[in-house]
Amino acid sequence: MQFTPSKLNTFMFFKLPSAYWSGVRVKSISPETCQVQVKHKWMNQNPFNSMYFAVQAMAAEFTTGALVMYQIKESGKSISMLVAQNKAVFTKKATGLITFKCVEGNLIKETIDKAVATGEGQTIWLTSIGVNEKGEQVSEMKFEWTVRVRS
């Protein structure tokens, strides 16, 4: 699979339909950065008139996961990936258009290179920051990914 926003959004439609129908969309991806947006709507709201936390988590997790998939493909190896833990901090109501961004592609590459070199599973904590249209941070999510070379 090529790593373009269009291809990733199609992947999401088939493999992560709850994220797709909640409005999560990849806007950009490069070896170092992935950016995902989601707009607060009736479909993804909570009872407090803001975006449901799980929708924010889906968008944030996708920024990190897409970068892990990207770097796995670049390695040319068969590598498994799985989220082991996550942490979240919500600092402001998420309303309007929320943009999540992870900029840790280089750390992912180093982790995958280490897994390939040692043959041992590796873990990495990746951060995705969500901001509203004014540039104000609404949430910070961290995901611990595990990667392991398949034998």
Protein backbone atom coordinates (compact mmCIF):
# COMPACT_ATOMS: atom_id res chain seq x y z
CA MET A 1 0.00 0.00 0.00
CA GLN A 2 1.21 3.49 -0.79
CA PHE A 3 1.12 5.88 2.12
CA THR A 4 -1.02 8.74 0.87
CA PRO A 5 -3.93 10.36 2.71
CA SER A 6 -6.36 8.89 0.17
CA LYS A 7 -5.02 5.33 0.53
CA LEU A 8 -4.96 5.57 4.32
CA ASN A 9 -8.53 6.88 4.41
CA THR A 10 -9.63 3.96 2.20
CA PHE A 11 -7.77 1.59 4.55
CA MET A 12 -9.60 3.20 7.47
CA PHE A 13 -12.99 2.73 5.76
CA PHE A 14 -12.43 -1.04 5.47
CA LYS A 15 -10.32 -1.81 8.56
CA LEU A 16 -11.42 0.87 11.09
CA PRO A 17 -14.99 1.74 10.08
CA SER A 18 -15.91 3.28 13.45
CA ALA A 19 -13.12 5.83 13.03
CA TYR A 20 -14.14 6.52 9.43
CA TRP A 21 -17.83 7.03 10.23
CA SER A 22 -16.89 9.26 13.19
CA GLY A 23 -15.21 11.62 10.70
CA VAL A 24 -11.53 10.80 11.27
CA ARG A 25 -9.49 11.65 8.13
CA VAL A 26 -5.78 11.60 7.34
CA LYS A 27 -4.70 14.97 5.92
CA SER A 28 -0.96 14.41 5.45
CA ILE A 29 1.78 11.85 6.01
CA SER A 30 5.55 11.89 5.56
CA PRO A 31 8.33 9.71 7.03
CA GLU A 32 8.43 11.95 10.13
CA THR A 33 4.90 13.33 10.53
CA CYS A 34 1.26 12.31 10.28
CA GLN A 35 -1.66 14.71 10.60
CA VAL A 36 -5.30 13.65 11.08
CA GLN A 37 -8.41 15.82 11.40
CA VAL A 38 -11.86 15.24 12.81
CA LYS A 39 -14.73 17.70 13.07
CA HIS A 40 -17.07 17.83 16.05
CA LYS A 41 -20.54 16.77 14.83
CA TRP A 42 -23.70 15.21 16.18
CA MET A 43 -22.35 11.73 15.31
CA ASN A 44 -19.21 12.03 17.48
CA GLN A 45 -20.39 14.19 20.37
CA ASN A 46 -20.66 13.47 24.07
CA PRO A 47 -23.46 14.70 26.38
CA PHE A 48 -21.41 17.83 27.19
CA ASN A 49 -21.57 19.26 23.66
CA SER A 50 -18.01 18.44 22.69
CA MET A 51 -16.20 15.60 20.94
CA TYR A 52 -16.39 12.21 22.63
CA PHE A 53 -13.01 11.21 24.09
CA ALA A 54 -12.93 7.93 22.16
CA VAL A 55 -13.18 9.78 18.85
CA GLN A 56 -10.20 11.90 19.86
CA ALA A 57 -8.36 8.70 20.82
CA MET A 58 -9.09 7.11 17.43
CA ALA A 59 -7.76 10.15 15.59
CA ALA A 60 -4.69 10.47 17.81
CA GLU A 61 -3.90 6.75 17.67
CA PHE A 62 -4.14 6.78 13.89
CA THR A 63 -1.44 9.48 13.65
CA THR A 64 0.96 7.23 15.54
CA GLY A 65 -0.14 3.94 13.97
CA ALA A 66 0.10 5.22 10.41
CA LEU A 67 3.69 6.29 11.06
CA VAL A 68 4.52 2.88 12.54
CA MET A 69 3.01 1.19 9.44
CA TYR A 70 4.94 3.58 7.18
CA GLN A 71 8.27 2.80 8.84
CA ILE A 72 7.55 -0.95 8.86
CA LYS A 73 6.95 -0.82 5.10
CA GLU A 74 10.17 1.16 4.62
CA SER A 75 12.12 -1.50 6.56
CA GLY A 76 11.06 -4.22 4.10
CA LYS A 77 10.66 -6.68 6.99
CA SER A 78 7.64 -8.55 8.33
CA ILE A 79 7.00 -6.80 11.65
CA SER A 80 4.02 -7.01 13.98
CA MET A 81 2.72 -3.95 15.79
CA LEU A 82 0.33 -3.56 18.72
CA VAL A 83 -0.70 -0.88 21.18
CA ALA A 84 0.18 -1.99 24.72
CA GLN A 85 -0.89 1.09 26.73
CA ASN A 86 -2.20 4.58 26.31
CA LYS A 87 -2.48 7.75 28.37
CA ALA A 88 -4.52 10.86 27.72
CA VAL A 89 -4.81 14.39 29.06
CA PHE A 90 -7.74 16.60 28.05
CA THR A 91 -7.10 20.31 28.49
CA LYS A 92 -10.01 21.98 26.68
CA LYS A 93 -13.39 21.09 25.21
CA ALA A 94 -12.94 19.69 21.71
CA THR A 95 -15.33 21.56 19.42
CA GLY A 96 -15.01 22.52 15.78
CA LEU A 97 -12.22 21.08 13.64
CA ILE A 98 -9.58 19.24 15.69
CA THR A 99 -6.18 18.39 14.19
CA PHE A 100 -3.99 15.67 15.68
CA LYS A 101 -0.32 15.45 14.82
CA CYS A 102 2.51 13.05 15.60
CA VAL A 103 6.03 14.10 14.60
CA GLU A 104 8.06 11.12 15.83
CA GLY A 105 8.68 9.14 12.64
CA ASN A 106 12.45 9.24 13.18
CA LEU A 107 12.11 7.64 16.64
CA ILE A 108 9.91 4.93 15.13
CA LYS A 109 12.54 4.21 12.47
CA GLU A 110 15.23 3.87 15.15
CA THR A 111 13.02 1.50 17.16
CA ILE A 112 12.25 -0.67 14.14
CA ASP A 113 15.93 -0.72 13.14
CA LYS A 114 16.78 -1.91 16.67
CA ALA A 115 14.10 -4.64 16.52
CA VAL A 116 15.52 -5.85 13.19
CA ALA A 117 19.13 -5.72 14.40
CA THR A 118 18.53 -7.51 17.71
CA GLY A 119 15.65 -9.80 16.77
CA GLU A 120 13.97 -8.72 20.01
CA GLY A 121 10.65 -6.95 20.46
CA GLN A 122 10.85 -3.24 21.18
CA THR A 123 8.48 -0.69 22.70
CA ILE A 124 8.12 3.02 22.03
CA TRP A 125 5.88 5.73 23.48
CA LEU A 126 4.51 8.05 20.78
CA THR A 127 2.67 11.32 21.36
CA SER A 128 -0.12 12.92 19.37
CA ILE A 129 -1.26 16.46 20.15
CA GLY A 130 -4.77 17.64 19.29
CA VAL A 131 -5.41 21.33 18.64
CA ASN A 132 -8.53 23.28 17.70
CA GLU A 133 -8.90 25.83 14.89
CA LYS A 134 -7.44 28.56 17.11
CA GLY A 135 -4.30 26.47 17.67
CA GLU A 136 -5.25 25.77 21.30
CA GLN A 137 -4.33 22.33 22.59
CA VAL A 138 -7.41 20.26 23.48
CA SER A 139 -5.71 16.94 24.25
CA GLU A 140 -2.44 15.10 24.39
CA MET A 141 -2.44 11.35 23.87
CA LYS A 142 0.42 8.92 24.30
CA PHE A 143 0.45 5.38 22.95
CA GLU A 144 2.94 2.66 23.78
CA TRP A 145 3.53 0.62 20.64
CA THR A 146 5.26 -2.76 20.59
CA VAL A 147 7.03 -3.94 17.45
CA ARG A 148 8.47 -7.39 16.84
CA VAL A 149 10.08 -8.99 13.79
CA ARG A 150 8.03 -12.00 12.76
CA SER A 151 9.96 -15.23 12.45
